[in-house]
Amino acid sequence: MRAFVFPGQGSQKVGMGVELAEASAAAREVFEEVDDALGQKLSTIMREGPEDQLTLTENAQPAIMANAIAVLRVLEKEGGISLADKADFVAGHSLGEYTALCAAGAFSLADTARLLKLRGQAMQAAVPVGVGAMAALLGADMDKASRLAEAAAEGQVCTVANDNDPTQVVISGHREAIERAVAMVKDFEIKRGMLLPVSAPFHCPLMQPAADAMAEALGKTPPGALSVALFANVTASVVTDPAEVQRLLVEQVTGRVRWRESAIAMKDAGVGQFVELGGKVLGPMIGRSVADVSITSVVGMADIEALAKDL
């Protein structure tokens, strides 16, 4: 069985999608459609920067999605591959869950772009700049990370945001609490804690205003039927009912991204091949979480051509 997975924030870089756009009309159409949907030249920021504009959450989220969907469209139109035929499951890391749902036909490309733009804006607006922070804990498992977060909280928010793999957990919350946690890592036998260059504390209770904004937006633009079942971030389990998908997307804004558990659950469900579209971030996490699976990362034309032959 095969799962297609889609990367989250942090996988953006200036120049993303350039090679695809030069080589394929299918990719160019994706970038043009996203530009039109947003009423901005996001493709120019992706191509030329500046980097601080691309890194803005409201730009990074639709950009990462557009890049991954461009890879998928080239694979479908030029490789003759249908996702619905070749995938048993889809999954995505945080914003990548929206990309996965777009790939599975639950959202149109234009709606996905608009929802992610709004999600980025709402997440940014939820907490004043400087009040929140996130940190990656390297050499930490869930048990160590949870105990550290609890010890560092001291009445503030400090919680696990992303359980990425057995060696990497991300915490999120009030800046002072996150800084305390980073200073305390050695006490919990964690190799290293590093503050992340993000503009808001994602996937923690401080994001509740953003969750409310997404509940309203998804009420107006609800997901439709899925052509491929989704492994959801907040439950690490399969979901196919559009109403349930909608509920979990709202919960996901403040909830933990259970990526390690999702990888294990997908393998337990029979997945032997993972294909990451549009990045090379999730593959290594999956490789550290489960053994005896094949993992392919697909970014450029050469990757797409190789995958089309393999499928």
Protein backbone atom coordinates (compact mmCIF):
# COMPACT_ATOMS: atom_id res chain seq x y z
CA MET A 1 0.00 0.00 0.00
CA ARG A 2 1.09 3.56 -0.66
CA ALA A 3 0.68 6.90 1.12
CA PHE A 4 1.33 10.32 -0.41
CA VAL A 5 2.45 12.88 2.18
CA PHE A 6 2.79 16.67 2.02
CA PRO A 7 5.24 18.92 3.92
CA GLY A 8 4.52 21.73 6.35
CA GLN A 9 5.99 25.10 7.23
CA GLY A 10 9.74 25.47 7.16
CA SER A 11 10.10 23.68 3.80
CA GLN A 12 9.78 26.96 1.86
CA LYS A 13 12.78 28.51 0.12
CA VAL A 14 13.31 31.24 -2.46
CA GLY A 15 13.43 29.65 -5.91
CA MET A 16 10.89 26.95 -5.05
CA GLY A 17 8.93 25.75 -8.08
CA VAL A 18 11.14 27.57 -10.62
CA GLU A 19 12.45 24.45 -12.34
CA LEU A 20 8.95 22.93 -12.49
CA ALA A 21 7.41 26.11 -13.92
CA GLU A 22 10.12 26.34 -16.60
CA ALA A 23 9.68 22.69 -17.59
CA SER A 24 5.92 22.21 -17.40
CA ALA A 25 2.78 24.08 -18.39
CA ALA A 26 0.87 22.04 -15.79
CA ALA A 27 3.03 23.53 -13.02
CA ARG A 28 2.71 27.07 -14.43
CA GLU A 29 -1.09 26.70 -14.42
CA VAL A 30 -1.04 25.83 -10.70
CA PHE A 31 1.04 28.90 -9.80
CA GLU A 32 -1.15 31.16 -11.97
CA GLU A 33 -4.35 29.79 -10.43
CA VAL A 34 -3.02 30.38 -6.90
CA ASP A 35 -1.95 33.95 -7.84
CA ASP A 36 -5.44 34.61 -9.21
CA ALA A 37 -7.18 33.13 -6.16
CA LEU A 38 -5.15 35.26 -3.76
CA GLY A 39 -5.06 38.40 -5.88
CA GLN A 40 -1.31 38.62 -5.35
CA LYS A 41 1.83 37.53 -7.22
CA LEU A 42 2.75 34.80 -4.76
CA SER A 43 4.63 33.00 -7.56
CA THR A 44 6.99 35.99 -7.87
CA ILE A 45 7.75 35.89 -4.13
CA MET A 46 8.36 32.13 -4.42
CA ARG A 47 10.65 32.64 -7.39
CA GLU A 48 12.54 35.80 -6.40
CA GLY A 49 11.89 36.49 -2.71
CA PRO A 50 12.73 38.45 -0.70
CA GLU A 51 13.08 35.66 1.82
CA ASP A 52 11.44 37.60 4.66
CA GLN A 53 8.30 37.96 2.52
CA LEU A 54 8.22 34.25 1.66
CA THR A 55 8.76 33.33 5.33
CA LEU A 56 5.69 35.31 6.42
CA THR A 57 3.20 32.68 7.57
CA GLU A 58 0.43 34.01 5.31
CA ASN A 59 2.70 33.58 2.26
CA ALA A 60 4.63 30.48 3.28
CA GLN A 61 1.51 28.37 3.84
CA PRO A 62 -0.08 28.81 0.37
CA ALA A 63 3.38 28.75 -1.27
CA ILE A 64 4.31 25.35 0.17
CA MET A 65 0.90 24.01 -0.83
CA ALA A 66 1.18 25.43 -4.39
CA ASN A 67 4.62 23.90 -4.86
CA ALA A 68 3.47 20.44 -3.75
CA ILE A 69 0.29 20.56 -5.87
CA ALA A 70 2.39 21.66 -8.88
CA VAL A 71 4.50 18.50 -8.42
CA LEU A 72 1.31 16.43 -8.23
CA ARG A 73 -0.24 18.05 -11.32
CA VAL A 74 2.91 17.42 -13.39
CA LEU A 75 2.92 13.81 -12.19
CA GLU A 76 -0.75 13.46 -13.12
CA LYS A 77 -0.77 15.31 -16.46
CA GLU A 78 2.65 14.40 -17.82
CA GLY A 79 3.31 11.17 -15.97
CA GLY A 80 -0.20 9.82 -16.61
CA ILE A 81 -0.56 9.01 -12.91
CA SER A 82 -3.84 9.40 -11.02
CA LEU A 83 -3.49 10.00 -7.28
CA ALA A 84 -6.86 8.33 -6.64
CA ASP A 85 -5.58 5.18 -8.38
CA LYS A 86 -2.09 5.11 -6.89
CA ALA A 87 -2.63 6.30 -3.31
CA ASP A 88 -4.27 4.33 -0.51
CA PHE A 89 -3.90 7.24 1.94
CA VAL A 90 -2.84 10.88 2.06
CA ALA A 91 -1.45 12.86 5.00
CA GLY A 92 0.19 16.22 5.54
CA HIS A 93 2.14 17.94 8.30
CA SER A 94 0.11 20.87 9.71
CA LEU A 95 -0.66 23.08 6.67
CA GLY A 96 0.26 20.03 4.57
CA GLU A 97 -3.04 18.50 5.68
CA TYR A 98 -4.79 21.11 3.50
CA THR A 99 -2.49 20.17 0.60
CA ALA A 100 -3.38 16.51 1.15
CA LEU A 101 -7.09 17.35 1.08
CA CYS A 102 -6.62 19.39 -2.11
CA ALA A 103 -4.79 16.42 -3.65
CA ALA A 104 -7.68 14.14 -2.61
CA GLY A 105 -10.23 16.49 -4.20
CA ALA A 106 -11.88 17.69 -0.96
CA PHE A 107 -10.95 21.33 -1.71
CA SER A 108 -10.36 23.08 -5.03
CA LEU A 109 -6.90 24.56 -5.55
CA ALA A 110 -8.27 28.12 -5.35
CA ASP A 111 -10.17 27.41 -2.11
CA THR A 112 -7.12 25.71 -0.58
CA ALA A 113 -4.97 28.75 -1.37
CA ARG A 114 -7.51 31.15 0.15
CA LEU A 115 -8.02 29.01 3.26
CA LEU A 116 -4.28 28.78 3.86
CA LYS A 117 -3.77 32.51 3.34
CA LEU A 118 -6.47 33.14 5.94
CA ARG A 119 -5.04 30.46 8.25
CA GLY A 120 -1.64 32.12 8.08
CA GLN A 121 -3.08 35.56 8.77
CA ALA A 122 -5.24 34.26 11.64
CA MET A 123 -2.34 32.38 13.24
CA GLN A 124 -0.14 35.47 13.00
CA ALA A 125 -2.84 37.72 14.47
CA ALA A 126 -3.73 35.34 17.34
CA VAL A 127 -0.70 36.26 19.46
CA PRO A 128 1.22 39.57 19.44
CA VAL A 129 4.73 39.26 17.96
CA GLY A 130 7.24 38.41 20.68
CA VAL A 131 4.70 36.97 23.13
CA GLY A 132 4.95 33.39 21.87
CA ALA A 133 7.73 31.11 20.68
CA MET A 134 8.49 27.56 19.56
CA ALA A 135 11.53 25.38 20.11
CA ALA A 136 12.75 22.11 18.64
CA LEU A 137 13.96 19.53 21.14
CA LEU A 138 16.59 17.32 19.53
CA GLY A 139 17.21 13.93 21.07
CA ALA A 140 13.85 14.11 22.83
CA ASP A 141 10.97 11.65 22.78
CA MET A 142 7.41 12.45 23.81
CA ASP A 143 7.93 11.41 27.44
CA LYS A 144 10.96 13.65 27.99
CA ALA A 145 9.44 16.55 26.04
CA SER A 146 6.14 16.37 27.96
CA ARG A 147 7.90 16.34 31.33
CA LEU A 148 10.13 19.26 30.32
CA ALA A 149 7.17 21.30 29.03
CA GLU A 150 5.26 20.72 32.26
CA ALA A 151 8.25 21.74 34.39
CA ALA A 152 8.94 24.88 32.35
CA ALA A 153 5.33 26.11 32.15
CA GLU A 154 5.15 27.75 35.61
CA GLY A 155 1.55 28.80 35.00
CA GLN A 156 2.14 29.81 31.36
CA VAL A 157 1.41 27.83 28.19
CA CYS A 158 4.20 25.39 27.31
CA THR A 159 3.09 22.29 25.45
CA VAL A 160 4.12 19.76 22.82
CA ALA A 161 3.12 21.10 19.38
CA ASN A 162 4.67 18.57 16.99
CA ASP A 163 5.63 14.98 17.78
CA ASN A 164 7.72 14.62 14.63
CA ASP A 165 9.73 11.44 15.20
CA PRO A 166 11.39 9.54 18.07
CA THR A 167 14.28 12.04 18.17
CA GLN A 168 12.54 15.37 17.51
CA VAL A 169 9.69 17.05 19.34
CA VAL A 170 8.64 20.71 19.01
CA ILE A 171 7.20 22.69 21.92
CA SER A 172 5.10 25.85 21.71
CA GLY A 173 3.71 28.50 24.05
CA HIS A 174 4.61 31.70 25.88
CA ARG A 175 8.13 32.90 25.01
CA GLU A 176 9.35 32.98 28.63
CA ALA A 177 8.18 29.41 29.20
CA ILE A 178 9.78 28.17 25.98
CA GLU A 179 13.05 29.92 26.86
CA ARG A 180 12.95 28.29 30.32
CA ALA A 181 12.45 24.91 28.65
CA VAL A 182 15.43 25.42 26.33
CA ALA A 183 17.59 26.32 29.36
CA MET A 184 16.47 23.15 31.18
CA VAL A 185 16.98 20.53 28.43
CA LYS A 186 20.03 18.88 30.02
CA ASP A 187 18.07 18.23 33.22
CA PHE A 188 15.75 16.01 31.16
CA GLU A 189 18.54 14.22 29.23
CA ILE A 190 17.60 16.02 26.03
CA LYS A 191 20.53 16.66 23.70
CA ARG A 192 19.61 20.15 22.56
CA GLY A 193 16.85 22.75 22.52
CA MET A 194 16.77 25.44 19.87
CA LEU A 195 14.33 28.30 19.40
CA LEU A 196 12.71 28.18 15.96
CA PRO A 197 12.56 31.21 13.63
CA VAL A 198 8.76 31.33 13.57
CA SER A 199 6.50 34.32 13.99
CA ALA A 200 3.87 32.72 16.24
CA PRO A 201 3.44 29.79 18.68
CA PHE A 202 1.59 27.29 16.47
CA HIS A 203 -0.36 24.24 17.68
CA CYS A 204 -0.94 25.35 21.26
CA PRO A 205 -3.91 26.83 23.18
CA LEU A 206 -2.70 30.40 22.43
CA MET A 207 -3.92 29.79 18.86
CA GLN A 208 -7.61 29.61 19.89
CA PRO A 209 -8.52 32.89 18.07
CA ALA A 210 -7.10 31.36 14.88
CA ALA A 211 -9.09 28.16 15.45
CA ASP A 212 -12.24 30.28 15.76
CA ALA A 213 -11.39 32.08 12.51
CA MET A 214 -10.86 28.75 10.72
CA ALA A 215 -14.13 27.37 12.10
CA GLU A 216 -15.91 30.31 10.49
CA ALA A 217 -13.98 30.02 7.20
CA LEU A 218 -14.50 26.25 6.93
CA GLY A 219 -18.19 26.77 7.67
CA LYS A 220 -18.37 28.84 4.49
CA THR A 221 -15.98 26.61 2.47
CA PRO A 222 -16.46 23.10 3.84
CA PRO A 223 -14.48 20.13 2.51
CA GLY A 224 -16.18 17.89 -0.03
CA ALA A 225 -15.83 14.15 -0.61
CA LEU A 226 -12.32 12.66 -0.47
CA SER A 227 -11.11 10.42 -3.29
CA VAL A 228 -8.43 9.04 -0.94
CA ALA A 229 -8.67 8.54 2.85
CA LEU A 230 -6.77 10.98 5.09
CA PHE A 231 -4.65 10.22 8.16
CA ALA A 232 -5.45 13.24 10.34
CA ASN A 233 -2.82 15.13 12.36
CA VAL A 234 -4.72 15.41 15.63
CA THR A 235 -5.96 11.80 15.82
CA ALA A 236 -3.24 9.93 13.87
CA SER A 237 -6.09 7.88 12.43
CA VAL A 238 -8.10 7.54 9.22
CA VAL A 239 -10.88 9.95 8.38
CA THR A 240 -13.08 10.02 5.27
CA ASP A 241 -16.22 11.85 6.42
CA PRO A 242 -16.08 15.51 5.25
CA ALA A 243 -17.85 16.78 8.40
CA GLU A 244 -15.27 15.01 10.56
CA VAL A 245 -12.45 16.42 8.39
CA GLN A 246 -13.85 19.90 8.92
CA ARG A 247 -13.98 19.46 12.70
CA LEU A 248 -10.43 18.10 12.85
CA LEU A 249 -9.03 20.96 10.73
CA VAL A 250 -10.34 23.41 13.34
CA GLU A 251 -8.98 21.30 16.20
CA GLN A 252 -5.62 21.05 14.41
CA VAL A 253 -4.90 24.80 14.87
CA THR A 254 -4.50 24.41 18.65
CA GLY A 255 -3.87 20.64 18.68
CA ARG A 256 -0.73 18.56 18.47
CA VAL A 257 0.61 17.34 15.12
CA ARG A 258 0.95 13.62 15.82
CA TRP A 259 3.28 12.90 12.92
CA ARG A 260 5.31 10.06 14.49
CA GLU A 261 2.13 8.26 15.49
CA SER A 262 0.65 8.89 12.02
CA ALA A 263 3.65 7.25 10.35
CA ILE A 264 3.34 4.23 12.67
CA ALA A 265 -0.44 4.04 12.11
CA MET A 266 -0.03 4.20 8.32
CA LYS A 267 2.52 1.39 8.42
CA ASP A 268 0.24 -0.64 10.69
CA ALA A 269 -2.53 -0.07 8.13
CA GLY A 270 -0.34 -1.73 5.50
CA VAL A 271 1.58 1.17 3.94
CA GLY A 272 4.95 0.00 2.60
CA GLN A 273 5.71 2.99 0.38
CA PHE A 274 5.68 6.66 1.38
CA VAL A 275 5.91 9.35 -1.32
CA GLU A 276 6.59 12.93 -0.18
CA LEU A 277 5.56 15.51 -2.78
CA GLY A 278 7.12 18.98 -2.79
CA GLY A 279 9.75 18.55 -0.09
CA LYS A 280 12.40 16.40 1.57
CA VAL A 281 11.40 17.01 5.18
CA LEU A 282 8.86 14.33 6.09
CA GLY A 283 10.72 11.40 4.54
CA PRO A 284 13.54 11.42 7.12
CA MET A 285 11.01 11.78 9.97
CA ILE A 286 9.07 8.77 8.69
CA GLY A 287 12.34 6.82 8.31
CA ARG A 288 13.17 7.44 11.97
CA SER A 289 9.65 6.46 13.08
CA VAL A 290 9.11 3.21 11.16
CA ALA A 291 11.39 0.55 9.68
CA ASP A 292 11.18 -1.55 6.53
CA VAL A 293 9.31 0.93 4.33
CA SER A 294 10.39 2.68 1.13
CA ILE A 295 10.45 6.48 1.17
CA THR A 296 10.65 8.69 -1.93
CA SER A 297 10.91 12.49 -1.93
CA VAL A 298 9.74 14.17 -5.13
CA VAL A 299 10.66 17.81 -5.82
CA GLY A 300 11.99 18.33 -9.37
CA MET A 301 11.32 16.99 -12.88
CA ALA A 302 13.90 14.19 -12.58
CA ASP A 303 12.20 12.99 -9.38
CA ILE A 304 8.78 13.11 -11.07
CA GLU A 305 9.98 11.14 -14.09
CA ALA A 306 11.60 8.50 -11.86
CA LEU A 307 8.45 8.17 -9.74
CA ALA A 308 6.18 7.91 -12.80
CA LYS A 309 8.25 4.93 -14.01
CA ASP A 310 8.18 3.37 -10.56
CA LEU A 311 4.41 3.69 -10.16
